[in-house]
Amino acid sequence: MAAIAVCSAASCGGPQNDQNSPKSAIDVIMSRKSVRSYTEEPVSDAQIQTILKAAMAAPSGMNVQPWRFVVVKDQAVKDALCKDSFNKMIGQAPVVIVVCGETTVLRRPRGAAEDAEPVAMDNGNWTADCAAATENLLLAVEALDLGAVWTACYPYEDRMKPTREALNLPEGITPYCIVPIGHPAAQEAPKDKWKEENIHYERW
């Protein structure tokens, strides 16, 4: 099992690590890919916990941490998630993690006195926070030599509605994305997405 190691100046500029060496952070980022087919080998509870800890280490606006996660192994629930779905991979993966967001937050209004009562208000950062958590999740999957794919749920009502129903999500919790996870059934290669023309310096 590979582990994440913080990339040093030497390792970032040096050759790829061999198969028995820990992957550097840069190695993990550059080797991440979308994996859409899986073997029947299960994903262990320890691996799932590592993945979730990595997800929760993501940055969060005002440290609200609105992310919520539903781990699904039960085949009936997975089948309900992908019923009439664009994405049959959900039903085929050994485990699925549904990333959800709490869309409101209890907070004192800006400028209010320190002893003011907190009030419920819209959390405008929840989608950005859940996106950061999802990327951390995917990088942890890659570091563990597993495979996963980010499948969108929010803001498509035809995807959110069956997800809410299958998971019995409470009011105020919105499904953001669904991530099937498993051992890759085939050798996948990452895409080279480097495009220098997308970079601007100082001004556009």
Protein backbone atom coordinates (compact mmCIF):
# COMPACT_ATOMS: atom_id res chain seq x y z
CA MET A 1 0.00 0.00 0.00
CA ALA A 2 1.45 3.37 -0.97
CA ALA A 3 1.47 6.30 1.43
CA ILE A 4 1.53 10.04 0.90
CA ALA A 5 4.81 11.76 1.71
CA VAL A 6 5.25 15.53 1.65
CA CYS A 7 7.20 16.47 -1.43
CA SER A 8 10.68 17.81 -0.74
CA ALA A 9 12.58 20.08 -3.09
CA ALA A 10 14.75 17.16 -4.13
CA SER A 11 11.93 14.68 -4.72
CA CYS A 12 9.80 17.20 -6.61
CA GLY A 13 12.54 17.77 -9.14
CA GLY A 14 13.87 14.22 -9.22
CA PRO A 15 12.82 11.04 -10.97
CA GLN A 16 9.58 9.13 -10.33
CA ASN A 17 9.61 7.03 -7.17
CA ASP A 18 9.88 3.28 -7.66
CA GLN A 19 6.89 1.08 -6.87
CA ASN A 20 8.08 0.29 -3.34
CA SER A 21 8.70 3.91 -2.33
CA PRO A 22 6.10 6.24 -0.85
CA LYS A 23 4.51 8.54 -3.38
CA SER A 24 5.28 12.23 -2.98
CA ALA A 25 2.41 14.69 -2.90
CA ILE A 26 3.32 15.84 -6.42
CA ASP A 27 3.43 12.23 -7.65
CA VAL A 28 -0.07 11.62 -6.31
CA ILE A 29 -1.48 14.78 -7.87
CA MET A 30 0.09 14.08 -11.26
CA SER A 31 -0.96 10.42 -11.31
CA ARG A 32 -4.60 10.93 -10.29
CA LYS A 33 -7.01 9.69 -12.89
CA SER A 34 -10.69 8.79 -13.27
CA VAL A 35 -11.22 5.05 -12.84
CA ARG A 36 -14.56 3.70 -14.03
CA SER A 37 -14.22 -0.08 -13.66
CA TYR A 38 -13.35 -2.08 -10.56
CA THR A 39 -12.57 -5.59 -9.42
CA GLU A 40 -14.67 -7.35 -6.79
CA GLU A 41 -11.92 -6.94 -4.17
CA PRO A 42 -13.33 -4.98 -1.23
CA VAL A 43 -12.05 -1.65 0.04
CA SER A 44 -11.10 -2.04 3.70
CA ASP A 45 -12.59 -0.03 6.55
CA ALA A 46 -9.11 1.28 7.34
CA GLN A 47 -8.74 2.56 3.78
CA ILE A 48 -12.16 4.22 3.93
CA GLN A 49 -11.26 5.95 7.19
CA THR A 50 -7.98 7.21 5.71
CA ILE A 51 -9.86 8.55 2.68
CA LEU A 52 -12.41 10.34 4.87
CA LYS A 53 -9.73 11.83 7.12
CA ALA A 54 -8.00 13.21 4.03
CA ALA A 55 -11.30 14.66 2.78
CA MET A 56 -11.89 16.40 6.10
CA ALA A 57 -8.41 17.92 6.02
CA ALA A 58 -9.51 20.20 3.16
CA PRO A 59 -9.68 23.99 3.55
CA SER A 60 -13.05 25.45 4.49
CA GLY A 61 -14.35 29.03 4.39
CA MET A 62 -14.38 30.41 7.95
CA ASN A 63 -13.65 26.80 9.02
CA VAL A 64 -17.36 25.95 8.84
CA GLN A 65 -16.61 22.45 7.47
CA PRO A 66 -20.08 21.95 5.92
CA TRP A 67 -19.18 18.60 4.34
CA ARG A 68 -21.04 15.46 5.33
CA PHE A 69 -20.26 11.98 3.97
CA VAL A 70 -22.44 8.94 3.42
CA VAL A 71 -20.50 5.68 2.96
CA VAL A 72 -22.48 3.08 1.03
CA LYS A 73 -21.56 -0.60 0.74
CA ASP A 74 -25.04 -2.13 0.69
CA GLN A 75 -25.86 -3.27 -2.84
CA ALA A 76 -29.54 -2.35 -2.58
CA VAL A 77 -28.67 1.22 -1.65
CA LYS A 78 -26.08 1.45 -4.44
CA ASP A 79 -28.66 0.14 -6.89
CA ALA A 80 -31.13 2.79 -5.69
CA LEU A 81 -28.49 5.48 -6.17
CA CYS A 82 -27.91 4.50 -9.79
CA LYS A 83 -31.50 3.58 -10.67
CA ASP A 84 -32.31 5.23 -14.01
CA SER A 85 -28.93 6.91 -13.60
CA PHE A 86 -26.42 8.16 -16.12
CA ASN A 87 -23.81 6.37 -14.04
CA LYS A 88 -24.02 2.59 -13.63
CA MET A 89 -20.54 2.57 -12.06
CA ILE A 90 -22.19 3.48 -8.77
CA GLY A 91 -23.78 0.05 -8.59
CA GLN A 92 -20.60 -1.78 -9.60
CA ALA A 93 -18.07 -0.26 -7.17
CA PRO A 94 -17.39 -2.03 -3.85
CA VAL A 95 -17.96 1.20 -1.95
CA VAL A 96 -19.47 4.58 -2.77
CA ILE A 97 -18.95 7.81 -0.86
CA VAL A 98 -21.59 10.47 -1.31
CA VAL A 99 -20.27 13.94 -0.50
CA CYS A 100 -23.02 16.18 0.86
CA GLY A 101 -23.09 19.73 2.12
CA GLU A 102 -24.92 21.54 4.91
CA THR A 103 -26.24 24.57 3.07
CA THR A 104 -27.01 26.76 6.09
CA VAL A 105 -24.84 27.74 9.03
CA LEU A 106 -25.52 29.14 12.49
CA ARG A 107 -23.49 32.29 12.84
CA ARG A 108 -23.58 35.72 14.39
CA PRO A 109 -24.39 38.32 11.73
CA ARG A 110 -21.40 40.31 10.53
CA GLY A 111 -20.80 43.33 12.73
CA ALA A 112 -23.03 41.99 15.51
CA ALA A 113 -21.94 42.14 19.14
CA GLU A 114 -20.01 39.15 20.46
CA ASP A 115 -22.91 38.20 22.72
CA ALA A 116 -25.44 38.32 19.87
CA GLU A 117 -27.41 35.15 19.25
CA PRO A 118 -26.31 33.19 16.18
CA VAL A 119 -28.87 32.92 13.42
CA ALA A 120 -29.30 30.46 10.56
CA MET A 121 -28.07 31.86 7.26
CA ASP A 122 -27.14 30.57 3.84
CA ASN A 123 -23.62 29.21 3.60
CA GLY A 124 -22.39 30.48 0.27
CA ASN A 125 -19.13 28.54 0.57
CA TRP A 126 -20.57 25.04 0.85
CA THR A 127 -20.00 24.01 -2.78
CA ALA A 128 -16.39 25.25 -2.79
CA ASP A 129 -15.72 23.48 0.51
CA CYS A 130 -17.25 20.22 -0.73
CA ALA A 131 -15.23 20.46 -3.93
CA ALA A 132 -12.02 20.83 -1.91
CA ALA A 133 -12.98 17.86 0.25
CA THR A 134 -13.77 15.77 -2.84
CA GLU A 135 -10.40 16.51 -4.42
CA ASN A 136 -8.63 15.53 -1.19
CA LEU A 137 -10.70 12.34 -1.19
CA LEU A 138 -9.65 11.52 -4.75
CA LEU A 139 -5.99 12.16 -4.00
CA ALA A 140 -6.15 9.85 -0.97
CA VAL A 141 -7.69 7.16 -3.19
CA GLU A 142 -4.80 7.55 -5.64
CA ALA A 143 -2.23 7.41 -2.82
CA LEU A 144 -3.75 4.12 -1.63
CA ASP A 145 -3.48 2.61 -5.14
CA LEU A 146 -7.25 2.50 -5.46
CA GLY A 147 -9.41 4.00 -8.19
CA ALA A 148 -12.34 6.42 -8.14
CA VAL A 149 -14.31 8.81 -10.29
CA TRP A 150 -16.06 12.07 -9.40
CA THR A 151 -19.66 11.93 -10.63
CA ALA A 152 -21.65 15.13 -10.39
CA CYS A 153 -24.88 15.32 -8.46
CA TYR A 154 -25.46 19.01 -7.57
CA PRO A 155 -27.02 21.08 -9.13
CA TYR A 156 -28.93 18.57 -11.28
CA GLU A 157 -32.31 17.89 -9.71
CA ASP A 158 -32.75 14.65 -11.67
CA ARG A 159 -29.62 13.35 -9.92
CA MET A 160 -30.15 14.95 -6.51
CA LYS A 161 -33.74 13.73 -6.05
CA PRO A 162 -33.03 9.98 -6.24
CA THR A 163 -29.91 10.48 -4.11
CA ARG A 164 -31.89 12.25 -1.40
CA GLU A 165 -34.49 9.48 -1.47
CA ALA A 166 -32.02 6.59 -1.47
CA LEU A 167 -30.05 8.03 1.46
CA ASN A 168 -32.95 9.58 3.36
CA LEU A 169 -31.08 12.86 3.56
CA PRO A 170 -32.50 15.39 6.07
CA GLU A 171 -33.60 18.87 5.10
CA GLY A 172 -30.70 21.25 4.71
CA ILE A 173 -28.31 18.55 3.49
CA THR A 174 -27.69 18.61 -0.26
CA PRO A 175 -25.89 15.84 -2.18
CA TYR A 176 -22.90 17.36 -3.96
CA CYS A 177 -21.30 14.41 -5.75
CA ILE A 178 -21.08 10.63 -5.73
CA VAL A 179 -17.68 8.91 -5.76
CA PRO A 180 -17.50 5.18 -6.61
CA ILE A 181 -14.28 3.65 -5.22
CA GLY A 182 -12.59 0.30 -5.79
CA HIS A 183 -9.53 -1.55 -6.98
CA PRO A 184 -8.98 -0.69 -10.67
CA ALA A 185 -9.97 -3.45 -13.08
CA ALA A 186 -7.66 -2.11 -15.78
CA GLN A 187 -4.48 -0.08 -16.04
CA GLU A 188 -5.51 3.55 -16.43
CA ALA A 189 -3.25 6.45 -17.33
CA PRO A 190 -3.61 10.04 -16.15
CA LYS A 191 -4.37 12.72 -18.73
CA ASP A 192 -1.83 15.44 -19.42
CA LYS A 193 -3.87 18.58 -18.81
CA TRP A 194 -0.98 21.08 -18.90
CA LYS A 195 -1.84 23.97 -21.23
CA GLU A 196 0.53 26.89 -21.09
CA GLU A 197 -1.92 29.03 -23.07
CA ASN A 198 -4.26 29.01 -20.05
CA ILE A 199 -1.73 30.90 -17.95
CA HIS A 200 -1.45 34.68 -17.72
CA TYR A 201 1.13 36.66 -15.77
CA GLU A 202 0.51 39.97 -14.03
CA ARG A 203 -2.47 40.84 -16.27
CA TRP A 204 -4.67 39.10 -18.80
